Protein backbone atom coordinates (compact mmCIF):
# COMPACT_ATOMS: atom_id res chain seq x y z
CA UNK A 1 -23.94 -11.60 48.63
CA UNK A 2 -25.88 -8.35 48.30
CA UNK A 3 -22.74 -6.23 48.46
CA UNK A 4 -20.94 -7.74 45.49
CA UNK A 5 -19.87 -5.20 42.86
CA UNK A 6 -22.13 -6.77 40.22
CA UNK A 7 -25.25 -6.53 42.37
CA UNK A 8 -24.40 -2.99 43.47
CA UNK A 9 -23.81 -1.96 39.85
CA UNK A 10 -27.15 -3.34 38.70
CA UNK A 11 -29.04 -1.81 41.61
CA UNK A 12 -27.29 1.53 41.00
CA UNK A 13 -29.07 1.83 37.66
CA UNK A 14 -31.78 3.30 39.91
CA UNK A 15 -29.89 6.32 41.28
CA UNK A 16 -28.79 6.13 44.89
CA UNK A 17 -29.98 2.59 45.63
CA UNK A 18 -26.45 1.19 45.47
CA UNK A 19 -25.37 3.68 48.12
CA UNK A 20 -28.36 2.76 50.26
CA UNK A 21 -27.47 -0.92 50.05
CA UNK A 22 -23.92 -0.04 51.13
CA UNK A 23 -25.36 2.09 53.98
CA UNK A 24 -23.92 5.33 52.62
CA UNK A 25 -26.97 7.50 53.38
CA UNK A 26 -25.29 10.87 52.87
CA UNK A 27 -23.99 9.95 49.41
CA UNK A 28 -27.45 8.72 48.39
CA UNK A 29 -29.10 11.95 49.52
CA UNK A 30 -26.46 14.05 47.74
CA UNK A 31 -26.96 12.02 44.55
CA UNK A 32 -30.73 12.46 44.68
CA UNK A 33 -30.34 16.18 45.34
CA UNK A 34 -28.00 16.71 42.40
CA UNK A 35 -30.18 14.70 40.04
CA UNK A 36 -33.28 16.57 41.17
CA UNK A 37 -31.48 19.89 40.66
CA UNK A 38 -30.44 19.00 37.12
CA UNK A 39 -33.90 17.70 36.19
CA UNK A 40 -35.45 20.89 37.53
CA UNK A 41 -32.99 23.04 35.57
CA UNK A 42 -33.72 21.01 32.44
CA UNK A 43 -37.47 21.48 32.63
CA UNK A 44 -37.39 25.12 33.72
CA UNK A 45 -34.93 26.22 31.02
CA UNK A 46 -36.17 27.57 27.71
CA UNK A 47 -36.31 25.04 24.90
CA UNK A 48 -32.99 24.51 23.08
CA UNK A 49 -31.09 26.80 25.46
CA UNK A 50 -27.53 26.07 26.59
CA UNK A 51 -28.77 25.55 30.16
CA UNK A 52 -31.03 22.75 28.98
CA UNK A 53 -28.19 20.97 27.19
CA UNK A 54 -25.73 21.43 30.05
CA UNK A 55 -28.20 20.24 32.69
CA UNK A 56 -29.00 17.12 30.66
CA UNK A 57 -25.30 16.34 30.29
CA UNK A 58 -24.65 16.92 33.99
CA UNK A 59 -27.59 14.67 34.88
CA UNK A 60 -26.12 11.78 32.92
CA UNK A 61 -22.63 12.45 34.28
CA UNK A 62 -23.89 12.26 37.87
CA UNK A 63 -25.97 9.17 37.08
CA UNK A 64 -23.08 7.26 35.48
CA UNK A 65 -20.63 8.57 38.10
CA UNK A 66 -22.69 7.30 41.02
CA UNK A 67 -22.81 3.84 39.41
CA UNK A 68 -19.02 3.79 39.07
CA UNK A 69 -18.39 5.11 42.59
CA UNK A 70 -20.81 2.71 44.25
CA UNK A 71 -19.26 -0.27 42.45
CA UNK A 72 -15.81 0.89 43.59
CA UNK A 73 -17.08 1.14 47.16
CA UNK A 74 -18.37 -2.42 46.96
CA UNK A 75 -15.03 -3.82 45.83
CA UNK A 76 -12.90 -5.29 48.60
CA UNK A 77 -9.61 -3.54 49.32
CA UNK A 78 -6.64 -4.91 47.42
CA UNK A 79 -4.62 -5.43 50.61
CA UNK A 80 -7.27 -7.78 51.98
CA UNK A 81 -7.26 -9.81 48.77
CA UNK A 82 -3.46 -10.08 48.74
CA UNK A 83 -3.40 -11.21 52.39
CA UNK A 84 -5.73 -14.11 51.65
CA UNK A 85 -4.03 -15.19 48.43
CA UNK A 86 -0.35 -15.08 49.36
CA UNK A 87 0.47 -14.79 53.06
CA UNK A 88 3.88 -13.36 53.90
CA UNK A 89 6.41 -15.63 55.56
């Protein structure tokens, strides 16, 4: 129930929690590290500099990407679905 793609997608709106629910600790730590790096670059860059714009864009790319990847991890493999729907004779 808690590992359905819908639940994982909603929980992943908070970065890394979808990975934690799927027990992918390393991916969650990497996600948090990247997001922390980009937030730090954003706030330490001069105002209206290219680094500030790029770090903000990379932050949102990592945030949306981790939602997509965690939902894909929660989906069952297609072979398992086909085996249950139409068994081979």
